[in-house]
Each structure stands twice: as structure tokens, then as C-alpha cells.
């Protein structure tokens, strides 16, 4: 979670429960920027990937993740 100097919050939420045959369901909520929900999350997927690698989320040396 990142907080800007004005105190506004943007939040990325992910879960392994998906609708289709994907690895993660991901949503970004950034109401402070006028985006109540961003289901595409393209700009935040890089940060999510870094988090998944750092935390060894998939317990693998090589990962390929598909998000929805």
C-alpha cells in the first residue's frame, strides 16, 4: 500500500481464486485518483510481480503468472 503526501491511498488486492483459468485475480482501488476500481491493473502488475518474487509466493525459481 502506498500513501502520497496528501494522505490518499491506492490499494492493490489479489487472490488465488479466479473466474477463468488464471493464476490470480487482481484489482486496484485508487479512488483518490478518480479511479474507484481499475480491473485492468496494467500499471501495477510490475509491482505485484516484484512482490510475488520477493515473498516466493509460488515457491518456485521460475514463474509465469497470468492475472485477471
N, C-alpha and C. Protein backbone atom coordinates (compact mmCIF):
# COMPACT_ATOMS: atom_id res chain seq x y z
N UNK A 1 0.86 -1.17 0.00
CA UNK A 1 0.00 0.00 0.00
C UNK A 1 0.90 1.23 0.00
N UNK A 2 0.62 2.18 -0.89
CA UNK A 2 1.41 3.40 -0.92
C UNK A 2 0.53 4.59 -0.52
N UNK A 3 1.10 5.49 0.25
CA UNK A 3 0.37 6.68 0.69
C UNK A 3 1.11 7.90 0.19
N UNK A 4 0.41 8.79 -0.51
CA UNK A 4 1.06 10.00 -1.01
C UNK A 4 1.06 11.07 0.08
N UNK A 5 1.75 12.19 -0.11
CA UNK A 5 1.83 13.23 0.92
C UNK A 5 0.48 13.81 1.34
N UNK A 6 -0.53 13.67 0.50
CA UNK A 6 -1.85 14.19 0.85
C UNK A 6 -2.66 13.21 1.68
N UNK A 7 -2.11 12.02 1.91
CA UNK A 7 -2.80 11.03 2.71
C UNK A 7 -3.74 10.14 1.93
N UNK A 8 -3.74 10.23 0.60
CA UNK A 8 -4.60 9.39 -0.22
C UNK A 8 -3.97 8.02 -0.39
N UNK A 9 -4.80 7.00 -0.51
CA UNK A 9 -4.32 5.63 -0.57
C UNK A 9 -4.75 4.96 -1.87
N UNK A 10 -3.83 4.23 -2.47
CA UNK A 10 -4.13 3.32 -3.57
C UNK A 10 -3.86 1.91 -3.05
N UNK A 11 -4.71 0.97 -3.40
CA UNK A 11 -4.61 -0.36 -2.84
C UNK A 11 -4.72 -1.40 -3.94
N UNK A 12 -3.78 -2.34 -3.98
CA UNK A 12 -3.84 -3.49 -4.89
C UNK A 12 -4.22 -4.70 -4.05
N UNK A 13 -5.23 -5.42 -4.51
CA UNK A 13 -5.70 -6.62 -3.82
C UNK A 13 -5.61 -7.78 -4.80
N UNK A 14 -5.07 -8.93 -4.32
CA UNK A 14 -5.05 -10.10 -5.20
C UNK A 14 -5.47 -11.33 -4.41
N UNK A 15 -5.99 -12.32 -5.16
CA UNK A 15 -6.44 -13.57 -4.56
C UNK A 15 -6.21 -14.71 -5.54
N UNK A 16 -5.95 -15.91 -5.05
CA UNK A 16 -5.75 -17.05 -5.94
C UNK A 16 -7.05 -17.61 -6.51
N UNK A 17 -8.20 -17.17 -6.00
CA UNK A 17 -9.49 -17.61 -6.54
C UNK A 17 -9.77 -16.80 -7.81
N UNK A 18 -9.98 -17.47 -8.93
CA UNK A 18 -10.16 -16.79 -10.21
C UNK A 18 -11.46 -17.25 -10.88
N UNK A 19 -11.90 -16.45 -11.86
CA UNK A 19 -13.09 -16.79 -12.62
C UNK A 19 -12.76 -17.72 -13.78
N UNK A 20 -11.61 -17.51 -14.39
CA UNK A 20 -11.18 -18.31 -15.53
C UNK A 20 -9.92 -19.07 -15.15
N UNK A 21 -9.27 -19.65 -16.12
CA UNK A 21 -8.07 -20.46 -15.87
C UNK A 21 -6.84 -19.55 -15.79
N UNK A 22 -6.77 -18.74 -14.73
CA UNK A 22 -5.66 -17.82 -14.50
C UNK A 22 -5.06 -18.11 -13.14
N UNK A 23 -3.95 -17.44 -12.83
CA UNK A 23 -3.27 -17.69 -11.56
C UNK A 23 -3.78 -16.81 -10.43
N UNK A 24 -4.08 -15.54 -10.73
CA UNK A 24 -4.52 -14.61 -9.70
C UNK A 24 -5.62 -13.70 -10.21
N UNK A 25 -6.51 -13.31 -9.32
CA UNK A 25 -7.50 -12.29 -9.59
C UNK A 25 -6.98 -11.02 -8.92
N UNK A 26 -6.86 -9.92 -9.68
CA UNK A 26 -6.23 -8.70 -9.17
C UNK A 26 -7.12 -7.49 -9.43
N UNK A 27 -7.21 -6.62 -8.43
CA UNK A 27 -7.92 -5.36 -8.59
C UNK A 27 -7.12 -4.25 -7.92
N UNK A 28 -7.24 -3.06 -8.47
CA UNK A 28 -6.62 -1.87 -7.87
C UNK A 28 -7.74 -0.88 -7.55
N UNK A 29 -7.69 -0.34 -6.35
CA UNK A 29 -8.64 0.68 -5.92
C UNK A 29 -7.87 1.96 -5.67
N UNK A 30 -8.18 3.01 -6.43
CA UNK A 30 -7.47 4.29 -6.33
C UNK A 30 -8.47 5.43 -6.42
N UNK A 31 -9.43 5.41 -5.53
CA UNK A 31 -10.49 6.41 -5.56
C UNK A 31 -9.95 7.84 -5.47
N UNK A 32 -8.83 8.00 -4.76
CA UNK A 32 -8.23 9.33 -4.62
C UNK A 32 -7.80 9.90 -5.97
N UNK A 33 -7.53 9.04 -6.94
CA UNK A 33 -7.14 9.49 -8.27
C UNK A 33 -8.29 9.48 -9.25
N UNK A 34 -9.50 9.30 -8.73
CA UNK A 34 -10.67 9.30 -9.60
C UNK A 34 -10.93 7.95 -10.24
N UNK A 35 -10.28 6.89 -9.75
CA UNK A 35 -10.46 5.55 -10.30
C UNK A 35 -10.98 4.65 -9.17
N UNK A 36 -12.31 4.56 -9.01
CA UNK A 36 -12.84 3.75 -7.91
C UNK A 36 -12.33 2.30 -7.95
N UNK A 37 -12.29 1.72 -9.16
CA UNK A 37 -11.74 0.37 -9.32
C UNK A 37 -11.12 0.27 -10.70
N UNK A 38 -9.89 -0.24 -10.75
CA UNK A 38 -9.20 -0.45 -12.03
C UNK A 38 -9.01 -1.94 -12.21
N UNK A 39 -9.94 -2.62 -12.92
CA UNK A 39 -9.82 -4.06 -13.07
C UNK A 39 -8.69 -4.50 -14.00
N UNK A 40 -8.18 -3.61 -14.84
CA UNK A 40 -7.10 -4.00 -15.74
C UNK A 40 -5.75 -4.07 -15.02
N UNK A 41 -5.48 -3.14 -14.14
CA UNK A 41 -4.30 -3.11 -13.26
C UNK A 41 -2.97 -3.21 -14.00
N UNK A 42 -2.92 -2.84 -15.25
CA UNK A 42 -1.68 -2.96 -16.02
C UNK A 42 -0.50 -2.25 -15.41
N UNK A 43 -0.71 -1.05 -14.90
CA UNK A 43 0.41 -0.28 -14.35
C UNK A 43 0.89 -0.82 -13.02
N UNK A 44 0.09 -1.60 -12.33
CA UNK A 44 0.51 -2.12 -11.03
C UNK A 44 1.02 -3.55 -11.08
N UNK A 45 0.88 -4.23 -12.21
CA UNK A 45 1.31 -5.63 -12.29
C UNK A 45 2.81 -5.80 -12.11
N UNK A 46 3.60 -4.82 -12.49
CA UNK A 46 5.05 -4.90 -12.28
C UNK A 46 5.39 -4.93 -10.79
N UNK A 47 4.72 -4.09 -10.03
CA UNK A 47 4.93 -4.08 -8.57
C UNK A 47 4.45 -5.39 -7.96
N UNK A 48 3.33 -5.90 -8.44
CA UNK A 48 2.83 -7.18 -7.94
C UNK A 48 3.83 -8.29 -8.25
N UNK A 49 4.39 -8.31 -9.45
CA UNK A 49 5.38 -9.33 -9.81
C UNK A 49 6.59 -9.28 -8.88
N UNK A 50 7.07 -8.08 -8.59
CA UNK A 50 8.21 -7.93 -7.67
C UNK A 50 7.86 -8.47 -6.29
N UNK A 51 6.66 -8.18 -5.82
CA UNK A 51 6.22 -8.67 -4.51
C UNK A 51 6.16 -10.20 -4.50
N UNK A 52 5.57 -10.79 -5.56
CA UNK A 52 5.45 -12.25 -5.63
C UNK A 52 6.81 -12.93 -5.62
N UNK A 53 7.78 -12.36 -6.32
CA UNK A 53 9.14 -12.92 -6.33
C UNK A 53 9.80 -12.76 -4.97
N UNK A 54 9.72 -11.57 -4.40
CA UNK A 54 10.35 -11.31 -3.11
C UNK A 54 9.81 -12.23 -2.02
N UNK A 55 8.51 -12.45 -2.02
CA UNK A 55 7.88 -13.28 -0.99
C UNK A 55 7.86 -14.77 -1.36
N UNK A 56 8.42 -15.12 -2.53
CA UNK A 56 8.43 -16.52 -3.01
C UNK A 56 7.02 -17.11 -2.94
N UNK A 57 6.07 -16.35 -3.42
CA UNK A 57 4.65 -16.68 -3.32
C UNK A 57 4.32 -18.03 -3.93
N UNK A 58 4.90 -18.33 -5.09
CA UNK A 58 4.59 -19.58 -5.79
C UNK A 58 5.59 -20.69 -5.47
N UNK A 59 6.54 -20.43 -4.59
CA UNK A 59 7.54 -21.42 -4.15
C UNK A 59 8.22 -22.10 -5.34
N UNK A 60 8.70 -21.26 -6.27
CA UNK A 60 9.36 -21.76 -7.47
C UNK A 60 10.44 -20.80 -7.92
N UNK A 61 11.50 -21.32 -8.53
CA UNK A 61 12.55 -20.47 -9.06
C UNK A 61 12.12 -19.77 -10.35
N UNK A 62 11.23 -20.40 -11.09
CA UNK A 62 10.74 -19.82 -12.34
C UNK A 62 9.22 -19.72 -12.25
N UNK A 63 8.71 -18.52 -12.54
CA UNK A 63 7.26 -18.36 -12.50
C UNK A 63 6.77 -17.67 -13.76
N UNK A 64 5.58 -18.01 -14.15
CA UNK A 64 4.84 -17.31 -15.20
C UNK A 64 3.44 -17.14 -14.66
N UNK A 65 3.01 -15.91 -14.49
CA UNK A 65 1.75 -15.62 -13.83
C UNK A 65 0.79 -14.96 -14.81
N UNK A 66 -0.43 -15.46 -14.83
CA UNK A 66 -1.50 -14.86 -15.62
C UNK A 66 -2.52 -14.30 -14.64
N UNK A 67 -2.83 -13.01 -14.79
CA UNK A 67 -3.78 -12.36 -13.89
C UNK A 67 -5.05 -11.98 -14.64
N UNK A 68 -6.13 -11.86 -13.88
CA UNK A 68 -7.39 -11.38 -14.45
C UNK A 68 -7.92 -10.26 -13.60
